Amino acid sequence: MWRFLVILSISLSVLCFEMDEDQIQVANFDVKPGGALLSFEKEWDGVTCKFSYQCQGGTNEEWTMGLVRSQDGRDFSCSVERPSGQSYLFFQAFKMEITGIPAVEGGVYGPEMTPLKQEEFKFDKASNTITETGKFHSQLDKVVLYARKGKTEL
């Protein structure tokens, strides 16, 4: 099941063709430079995804937040990405968090959707977050968190 979600969340454009509308929520927002701590969040079905960041350089860039829910409602993915390609902004900090469901895995990608080195970010299962570390090289194109609800016993 997780392989299925990982493959589907790689590209929101692919997701739109592979899944029903009721399994996907997408919102566009502007990532604004200037060094202020800004955030964008989206809630769906009791799950909230929040992306916070600080960045410099250039002008506003359009980014997309996507939430994907499995048909049984147990598995979620939350991603934030620059859909038109590489970001030209210099990210000083970022944090993605998911509430309402426990996070189980996360990933961060830079130019050409290359995964960042493990030392550049920290996935914290206890706080359901993924953040930059002191070794982050300021290049960010996508952040994703995967989450799973516990089983409901009858």
N, C-alpha and C. Protein backbone atom coordinates (compact mmCIF):
# COMPACT_ATOMS: atom_id res chain seq x y z
N MET A 1 0.82 -1.19 0.00
CA MET A 1 0.00 0.00 0.00
C MET A 1 0.87 1.26 0.00
N TRP A 2 1.96 1.25 0.82
CA TRP A 2 2.82 2.45 0.89
C TRP A 2 3.52 2.71 -0.43
N ARG A 3 3.93 1.64 -1.12
CA ARG A 3 4.55 1.84 -2.43
C ARG A 3 3.58 2.55 -3.36
N PHE A 4 2.32 2.13 -3.29
CA PHE A 4 1.29 2.74 -4.11
C PHE A 4 1.17 4.23 -3.81
N LEU A 5 1.12 4.60 -2.53
CA LEU A 5 1.01 6.01 -2.16
C LEU A 5 2.26 6.80 -2.54
N VAL A 6 3.42 6.20 -2.37
CA VAL A 6 4.67 6.89 -2.71
C VAL A 6 4.68 7.19 -4.21
N ILE A 7 4.36 6.19 -5.01
CA ILE A 7 4.36 6.39 -6.46
C ILE A 7 3.34 7.44 -6.85
N LEU A 8 2.15 7.39 -6.26
CA LEU A 8 1.11 8.34 -6.62
C LEU A 8 1.43 9.77 -6.20
N SER A 9 2.12 9.94 -5.09
CA SER A 9 2.38 11.30 -4.63
C SER A 9 3.61 11.93 -5.28
N ILE A 10 4.33 11.19 -6.12
CA ILE A 10 5.49 11.75 -6.80
C ILE A 10 5.08 12.93 -7.68
N SER A 11 3.97 12.81 -8.33
CA SER A 11 3.54 13.88 -9.22
C SER A 11 2.05 14.11 -9.11
N LEU A 12 1.65 15.32 -8.73
CA LEU A 12 0.23 15.61 -8.61
C LEU A 12 -0.48 15.50 -9.94
N SER A 13 0.21 15.76 -11.03
CA SER A 13 -0.44 15.64 -12.33
C SER A 13 -0.79 14.19 -12.63
N VAL A 14 0.06 13.27 -12.23
CA VAL A 14 -0.25 11.86 -12.42
C VAL A 14 -1.40 11.47 -11.50
N LEU A 15 -1.39 11.98 -10.28
CA LEU A 15 -2.44 11.65 -9.33
C LEU A 15 -3.82 11.99 -9.87
N CYS A 16 -3.93 13.11 -10.52
CA CYS A 16 -5.23 13.55 -11.00
C CYS A 16 -5.81 12.57 -12.01
N PHE A 17 -4.98 11.84 -12.73
CA PHE A 17 -5.48 10.88 -13.70
C PHE A 17 -5.68 9.50 -13.08
N GLU A 18 -4.98 9.18 -12.00
CA GLU A 18 -5.00 7.85 -11.42
C GLU A 18 -6.06 7.67 -10.33
N MET A 19 -6.56 8.75 -9.75
CA MET A 19 -7.44 8.63 -8.60
C MET A 19 -8.71 9.44 -8.79
N ASP A 20 -9.72 9.09 -8.00
CA ASP A 20 -10.96 9.85 -8.00
C ASP A 20 -10.76 11.19 -7.33
N GLU A 21 -11.59 12.17 -7.72
CA GLU A 21 -11.49 13.50 -7.14
C GLU A 21 -11.65 13.50 -5.63
N ASP A 22 -12.47 12.60 -5.08
CA ASP A 22 -12.72 12.60 -3.65
C ASP A 22 -11.56 12.04 -2.84
N GLN A 23 -10.47 11.64 -3.49
CA GLN A 23 -9.30 11.14 -2.80
C GLN A 23 -8.16 12.16 -2.81
N ILE A 24 -8.38 13.32 -3.42
CA ILE A 24 -7.32 14.32 -3.58
C ILE A 24 -7.86 15.71 -3.23
N GLN A 25 -7.05 16.48 -2.53
CA GLN A 25 -7.31 17.90 -2.29
C GLN A 25 -6.05 18.64 -2.71
N VAL A 26 -6.20 19.67 -3.53
CA VAL A 26 -5.07 20.44 -4.04
C VAL A 26 -5.35 21.92 -3.85
N ALA A 27 -4.33 22.65 -3.40
CA ALA A 27 -4.45 24.10 -3.26
C ALA A 27 -3.15 24.75 -3.70
N ASN A 28 -3.25 25.80 -4.49
CA ASN A 28 -2.08 26.58 -4.90
C ASN A 28 -1.91 27.76 -3.95
N PHE A 29 -0.67 28.13 -3.70
CA PHE A 29 -0.36 29.27 -2.86
C PHE A 29 0.97 29.87 -3.29
N ASP A 30 1.19 31.12 -2.93
CA ASP A 30 2.45 31.80 -3.25
C ASP A 30 3.45 31.64 -2.12
N VAL A 31 4.65 31.20 -2.46
CA VAL A 31 5.77 31.22 -1.53
C VAL A 31 6.43 32.58 -1.74
N LYS A 32 6.50 33.35 -0.66
CA LYS A 32 6.95 34.74 -0.74
C LYS A 32 8.31 34.92 -0.07
N PRO A 33 9.29 35.47 -0.81
CA PRO A 33 10.58 35.76 -0.19
C PRO A 33 10.48 36.99 0.71
N GLY A 34 11.54 37.25 1.44
CA GLY A 34 11.58 38.42 2.30
C GLY A 34 12.10 38.11 3.69
N GLY A 35 12.29 36.83 3.99
CA GLY A 35 12.88 36.45 5.26
C GLY A 35 11.91 36.27 6.41
N ALA A 36 10.63 36.61 6.22
CA ALA A 36 9.65 36.43 7.30
C ALA A 36 9.24 34.96 7.38
N LEU A 37 8.89 34.52 8.57
CA LEU A 37 8.36 33.16 8.75
C LEU A 37 6.90 33.17 8.32
N LEU A 38 6.60 32.44 7.27
CA LEU A 38 5.25 32.38 6.71
C LEU A 38 4.79 30.92 6.69
N SER A 39 3.49 30.71 6.59
CA SER A 39 3.00 29.35 6.51
C SER A 39 1.71 29.27 5.72
N PHE A 40 1.42 28.07 5.27
CA PHE A 40 0.21 27.76 4.54
C PHE A 40 -0.28 26.41 5.07
N GLU A 41 -1.59 26.30 5.30
CA GLU A 41 -2.10 25.02 5.78
C GLU A 41 -3.42 24.68 5.11
N LYS A 42 -3.70 23.39 5.12
CA LYS A 42 -4.95 22.88 4.55
C LYS A 42 -5.45 21.75 5.44
N GLU A 43 -6.75 21.78 5.74
CA GLU A 43 -7.38 20.73 6.55
C GLU A 43 -8.31 19.93 5.68
N TRP A 44 -8.33 18.62 5.93
CA TRP A 44 -9.23 17.74 5.19
C TRP A 44 -9.50 16.50 6.00
N ASP A 45 -10.77 16.24 6.25
CA ASP A 45 -11.19 15.02 6.92
C ASP A 45 -10.49 14.82 8.27
N GLY A 46 -10.33 15.92 9.02
CA GLY A 46 -9.71 15.84 10.34
C GLY A 46 -8.19 15.83 10.34
N VAL A 47 -7.58 15.93 9.16
CA VAL A 47 -6.13 15.94 9.03
C VAL A 47 -5.72 17.32 8.53
N THR A 48 -4.75 17.94 9.22
CA THR A 48 -4.24 19.25 8.81
C THR A 48 -2.78 19.12 8.41
N CYS A 49 -2.47 19.69 7.27
CA CYS A 49 -1.10 19.75 6.79
C CYS A 49 -0.68 21.22 6.80
N LYS A 50 0.46 21.51 7.41
CA LYS A 50 0.94 22.88 7.51
C LYS A 50 2.40 22.94 7.05
N PHE A 51 2.67 23.89 6.15
CA PHE A 51 4.02 24.12 5.65
C PHE A 51 4.45 25.52 6.07
N SER A 52 5.54 25.61 6.83
CA SER A 52 6.09 26.90 7.27
C SER A 52 7.48 27.05 6.65
N TYR A 53 7.84 28.30 6.35
CA TYR A 53 9.12 28.52 5.68
C TYR A 53 9.60 29.96 5.87
N GLN A 54 10.90 30.14 5.62
CA GLN A 54 11.54 31.44 5.48
C GLN A 54 12.41 31.34 4.24
N CYS A 55 12.35 32.35 3.37
CA CYS A 55 13.19 32.30 2.18
C CYS A 55 13.53 33.72 1.70
N GLN A 56 14.51 33.80 0.84
CA GLN A 56 15.00 35.06 0.28
C GLN A 56 15.13 34.91 -1.24
N GLY A 57 15.25 36.05 -1.89
CA GLY A 57 15.58 36.08 -3.32
C GLY A 57 14.38 36.08 -4.22
N GLY A 58 14.56 36.66 -5.40
CA GLY A 58 13.55 36.60 -6.43
C GLY A 58 12.21 37.22 -6.05
N THR A 59 11.18 36.68 -6.67
CA THR A 59 9.81 37.14 -6.44
C THR A 59 8.97 35.94 -6.00
N ASN A 60 7.70 36.18 -5.77
CA ASN A 60 6.80 35.10 -5.38
C ASN A 60 6.86 33.95 -6.38
N GLU A 61 6.73 32.73 -5.87
CA GLU A 61 6.63 31.55 -6.71
C GLU A 61 5.33 30.83 -6.36
N GLU A 62 4.65 30.31 -7.37
CA GLU A 62 3.46 29.51 -7.10
C GLU A 62 3.87 28.09 -6.73
N TRP A 63 3.37 27.60 -5.61
CA TRP A 63 3.60 26.25 -5.14
C TRP A 63 2.24 25.58 -4.97
N THR A 64 2.26 24.26 -4.82
CA THR A 64 1.04 23.48 -4.67
C THR A 64 1.13 22.60 -3.44
N MET A 65 0.05 22.60 -2.64
CA MET A 65 -0.07 21.65 -1.54
C MET A 65 -1.09 20.61 -1.98
N GLY A 66 -0.73 19.35 -1.84
CA GLY A 66 -1.63 18.27 -2.20
C GLY A 66 -1.80 17.30 -1.05
N LEU A 67 -3.02 16.95 -0.76
CA LEU A 67 -3.33 15.91 0.21
C LEU A 67 -3.99 14.77 -0.53
N VAL A 68 -3.50 13.57 -0.30
CA VAL A 68 -4.02 12.38 -0.96
C VAL A 68 -4.45 11.42 0.13
N ARG A 69 -5.65 10.86 -0.03
CA ARG A 69 -6.20 9.92 0.95
C ARG A 69 -6.48 8.60 0.25
N SER A 70 -6.11 7.50 0.89
CA SER A 70 -6.42 6.19 0.33
C SER A 70 -7.93 5.96 0.36
N GLN A 71 -8.39 5.02 -0.42
CA GLN A 71 -9.83 4.76 -0.50
C GLN A 71 -10.42 4.37 0.85
N ASP A 72 -9.66 3.66 1.67
CA ASP A 72 -10.19 3.27 2.98
C ASP A 72 -10.02 4.37 4.04
N GLY A 73 -9.39 5.50 3.67
CA GLY A 73 -9.24 6.64 4.57
C GLY A 73 -8.17 6.47 5.64
N ARG A 74 -7.38 5.43 5.59
CA ARG A 74 -6.34 5.20 6.61
C ARG A 74 -5.01 5.84 6.26
N ASP A 75 -4.67 5.90 5.00
CA ASP A 75 -3.37 6.42 4.56
C ASP A 75 -3.53 7.79 3.93
N PHE A 76 -2.62 8.70 4.32
CA PHE A 76 -2.61 10.06 3.78
C PHE A 76 -1.19 10.39 3.34
N SER A 77 -1.10 11.24 2.35
CA SER A 77 0.18 11.88 2.07
C SER A 77 -0.10 13.37 1.92
N CYS A 78 0.85 14.14 2.35
CA CYS A 78 0.77 15.59 2.25
C CYS A 78 2.06 16.05 1.58
N SER A 79 1.93 16.78 0.49
CA SER A 79 3.13 17.25 -0.20
C SER A 79 2.99 18.73 -0.54
N VAL A 80 4.13 19.38 -0.58
CA VAL A 80 4.24 20.77 -1.03
C VAL A 80 5.34 20.76 -2.06
N GLU A 81 5.04 21.35 -3.23
CA GLU A 81 6.05 21.34 -4.28
C GLU A 81 5.90 22.51 -5.23
N ARG A 82 6.95 22.76 -5.94
CA ARG A 82 6.98 23.77 -7.00
C ARG A 82 6.63 23.05 -8.29
N PRO A 83 5.37 23.10 -8.73
CA PRO A 83 4.94 22.27 -9.86
C PRO A 83 5.54 22.67 -11.20
N SER A 84 5.95 23.91 -11.36
CA SER A 84 6.48 24.33 -12.66
C SER A 84 7.98 24.08 -12.79
N GLY A 85 8.57 23.41 -11.81
CA GLY A 85 10.00 23.10 -11.91
C GLY A 85 10.77 23.63 -10.72
N GLN A 86 12.05 23.79 -10.90
CA GLN A 86 12.98 24.16 -9.84
C GLN A 86 12.66 25.53 -9.25
N SER A 87 12.73 25.60 -7.94
CA SER A 87 12.58 26.87 -7.25
C SER A 87 13.89 27.65 -7.33
N TYR A 88 13.77 28.96 -7.46
CA TYR A 88 14.95 29.82 -7.49
C TYR A 88 15.13 30.57 -6.18
N LEU A 89 14.27 30.25 -5.20
CA LEU A 89 14.36 30.90 -3.90
C LEU A 89 15.42 30.23 -3.04
N PHE A 90 15.97 31.00 -2.13
CA PHE A 90 16.98 30.54 -1.18
C PHE A 90 16.24 30.31 0.14
N PHE A 91 15.98 29.05 0.48
CA PHE A 91 15.23 28.72 1.70
C PHE A 91 16.16 28.73 2.90
N GLN A 92 15.80 29.52 3.89
CA GLN A 92 16.55 29.58 5.13
C GLN A 92 16.05 28.53 6.11
N ALA A 93 14.74 28.26 6.06
CA ALA A 93 14.14 27.29 6.98
C ALA A 93 12.86 26.75 6.35
N PHE A 94 12.51 25.53 6.73
CA PHE A 94 11.22 24.97 6.35
C PHE A 94 10.79 23.95 7.41
N LYS A 95 9.49 23.77 7.49
CA LYS A 95 8.93 22.77 8.40
C LYS A 95 7.58 22.35 7.84
N MET A 96 7.38 21.07 7.74
CA MET A 96 6.06 20.56 7.37
C MET A 96 5.59 19.71 8.55
N GLU A 97 4.32 19.91 8.90
CA GLU A 97 3.76 19.11 9.98
C GLU A 97 2.37 18.64 9.60
N ILE A 98 2.02 17.49 10.14
CA ILE A 98 0.70 16.94 9.89
C ILE A 98 0.08 16.65 11.26
N THR A 99 -1.17 17.04 11.43
CA THR A 99 -1.87 16.79 12.69
C THR A 99 -3.16 16.03 12.39
N GLY A 100 -3.60 15.25 13.37
CA GLY A 100 -4.82 14.48 13.23
C GLY A 100 -4.57 13.04 12.82
N ILE A 101 -3.32 12.72 12.53
CA ILE A 101 -2.93 11.37 12.10
C ILE A 101 -1.42 11.25 12.29
N PRO A 102 -0.92 10.09 12.74
CA PRO A 102 0.53 9.95 12.95
C PRO A 102 1.32 9.82 11.65
N ALA A 103 2.38 10.58 11.54
CA ALA A 103 3.29 10.50 10.39
C ALA A 103 4.16 9.27 10.54
N VAL A 104 4.45 8.63 9.42
CA VAL A 104 5.27 7.42 9.44
C VAL A 104 6.54 7.55 8.61
N GLU A 105 6.58 8.52 7.71
CA GLU A 105 7.73 8.67 6.83
C GLU A 105 7.69 10.05 6.19
N GLY A 106 8.84 10.53 5.74
CA GLY A 106 8.89 11.81 5.07
C GLY A 106 10.05 11.88 4.11
N GLY A 107 9.99 12.83 3.18
CA GLY A 107 11.07 13.01 2.23
C GLY A 107 11.16 14.46 1.78
N VAL A 108 12.36 14.86 1.37
CA VAL A 108 12.60 16.22 0.92
C VAL A 108 13.42 16.14 -0.37
N TYR A 109 13.06 16.99 -1.34
CA TYR A 109 13.68 16.94 -2.65
C TYR A 109 14.16 18.33 -3.06
N GLY A 110 15.28 18.34 -3.77
CA GLY A 110 15.86 19.57 -4.28
C GLY A 110 15.75 19.62 -5.78
N PRO A 111 16.70 20.31 -6.44
CA PRO A 111 16.67 20.47 -7.89
C PRO A 111 16.52 19.13 -8.62
N GLU A 112 15.69 19.15 -9.66
CA GLU A 112 15.42 17.98 -10.49
C GLU A 112 14.88 16.81 -9.68
N MET A 113 14.17 17.13 -8.60
CA MET A 113 13.55 16.14 -7.71
C MET A 113 14.55 15.12 -7.16
N THR A 114 15.77 15.59 -6.94
CA THR A 114 16.79 14.76 -6.32
C THR A 114 16.58 14.77 -4.81
N PRO A 115 16.51 13.60 -4.18
CA PRO A 115 16.34 13.58 -2.72
C PRO A 115 17.50 14.31 -2.04
N LEU A 116 17.17 15.11 -1.03
CA LEU A 116 18.22 15.77 -0.27
C LEU A 116 18.98 14.72 0.54
N LYS A 117 20.21 15.05 0.89
CA LYS A 117 21.00 14.16 1.74
C LYS A 117 20.34 14.07 3.11
N GLN A 118 20.44 12.92 3.72
CA GLN A 118 19.80 12.66 5.01
C GLN A 118 20.20 13.68 6.08
N GLU A 119 21.42 14.21 6.02
CA GLU A 119 21.85 15.16 7.04
C GLU A 119 21.25 16.56 6.85
N GLU A 120 20.57 16.81 5.72
CA GLU A 120 20.00 18.14 5.46
C GLU A 120 18.61 18.33 6.07
N PHE A 121 17.96 17.24 6.49
CA PHE A 121 16.62 17.36 7.06
C PHE A 121 16.43 16.32 8.16
N LYS A 122 15.41 16.56 8.97
CA LYS A 122 15.11 15.63 10.07
C LYS A 122 13.62 15.31 10.05
N PHE A 123 13.30 14.03 9.97
CA PHE A 123 11.93 13.56 10.12
C PHE A 123 11.76 13.17 11.59
N ASP A 124 10.79 13.78 12.25
CA ASP A 124 10.54 13.51 13.67
C ASP A 124 9.16 12.87 13.80
N LYS A 125 9.15 11.57 13.97
CA LYS A 125 7.89 10.82 14.06
C LYS A 125 7.08 11.24 15.29
N ALA A 126 7.75 11.56 16.39
CA ALA A 126 7.06 11.94 17.63
C ALA A 126 6.26 13.23 17.47
N SER A 127 6.78 14.18 16.69
CA SER A 127 6.08 15.46 16.52
C SER A 127 5.39 15.57 15.16
N ASN A 128 5.44 14.51 14.36
CA ASN A 128 4.81 14.49 13.04
C ASN A 128 5.32 15.62 12.14
N THR A 129 6.63 15.87 12.17
CA THR A 129 7.21 16.96 11.40
C THR A 129 8.43 16.51 10.59
N ILE A 130 8.73 17.33 9.61
CA ILE A 130 9.98 17.20 8.87
C ILE A 130 10.53 18.63 8.73
N THR A 131 11.79 18.83 9.09
CA THR A 131 12.39 20.17 9.11
C THR A 131 13.81 20.12 8.55
N GLU A 132 14.32 21.32 8.25
CA GLU A 132 15.71 21.41 7.81
C GLU A 132 16.62 21.25 9.02
N THR A 133 17.88 20.93 8.75
CA THR A 133 18.90 20.89 9.80
C THR A 133 19.94 21.97 9.48
N GLY A 134 20.93 22.09 10.31
CA GLY A 134 22.01 23.06 10.09
C GLY A 134 22.83 22.76 8.85
N LYS A 135 22.67 21.57 8.27
CA LYS A 135 23.43 21.20 7.07
C LYS A 135 22.61 21.35 5.79
N PHE A 136 21.42 21.95 5.91
CA PHE A 136 20.54 22.18 4.76
C PHE A 136 21.20 23.19 3.83
N HIS A 137 21.22 22.91 2.51
CA HIS A 137 21.87 23.76 1.52
C HIS A 137 20.93 24.74 0.83
N SER A 138 19.76 24.98 1.40
CA SER A 138 18.84 26.05 0.98
C SER A 138 18.12 25.82 -0.34
N GLN A 139 18.24 24.63 -0.92
CA GLN A 139 17.53 24.33 -2.16
C GLN A 139 16.37 23.39 -1.85
N LEU A 140 15.17 23.81 -2.25
CA LEU A 140 13.98 23.04 -1.91
C LEU A 140 13.00 23.09 -3.08
N ASP A 141 12.55 21.93 -3.50
CA ASP A 141 11.54 21.85 -4.55
C ASP A 141 10.31 21.06 -4.11
N LYS A 142 10.45 20.18 -3.10
CA LYS A 142 9.32 19.38 -2.65
C LYS A 142 9.58 18.82 -1.26
N VAL A 143 8.50 18.80 -0.46
CA VAL A 143 8.51 18.16 0.87
C VAL A 143 7.27 17.29 0.94
N VAL A 144 7.41 16.09 1.48
CA VAL A 144 6.26 15.19 1.59
C VAL A 144 6.28 14.44 2.92
N LEU A 145 5.11 14.29 3.50
CA LEU A 145 4.92 13.46 4.70
C LEU A 145 3.88 12.40 4.39
N TYR A 146 4.13 11.18 4.85
CA TYR A 146 3.18 10.08 4.73
C TYR A 146 2.69 9.75 6.12
N ALA A 147 1.39 9.48 6.24
CA ALA A 147 0.79 9.22 7.54
C ALA A 147 -0.21 8.09 7.45
N ARG A 148 -0.45 7.43 8.59
CA ARG A 148 -1.37 6.30 8.62
C ARG A 148 -2.13 6.28 9.93
N LYS A 149 -3.45 6.16 9.81
CA LYS A 149 -4.29 6.00 10.99
C LYS A 149 -4.15 4.58 11.51
N GLY A 150 -4.24 4.45 12.83
CA GLY A 150 -4.20 3.11 13.42
C GLY A 150 -5.45 2.33 13.04
N LYS A 151 -5.36 1.02 13.19
CA LYS A 151 -6.51 0.17 12.87
C LYS A 151 -7.62 0.39 13.88
N THR A 152 -8.82 0.35 13.39
CA THR A 152 -10.00 0.45 14.26
C THR A 152 -10.49 -0.97 14.52
N GLU A 153 -10.50 -1.35 15.79
CA GLU A 153 -10.97 -2.68 16.17
C GLU A 153 -12.47 -2.69 16.30
N LEU A 154 -13.09 -3.75 15.87
CA LEU A 154 -14.54 -3.89 15.98
C LEU A 154 -14.94 -4.56 17.25
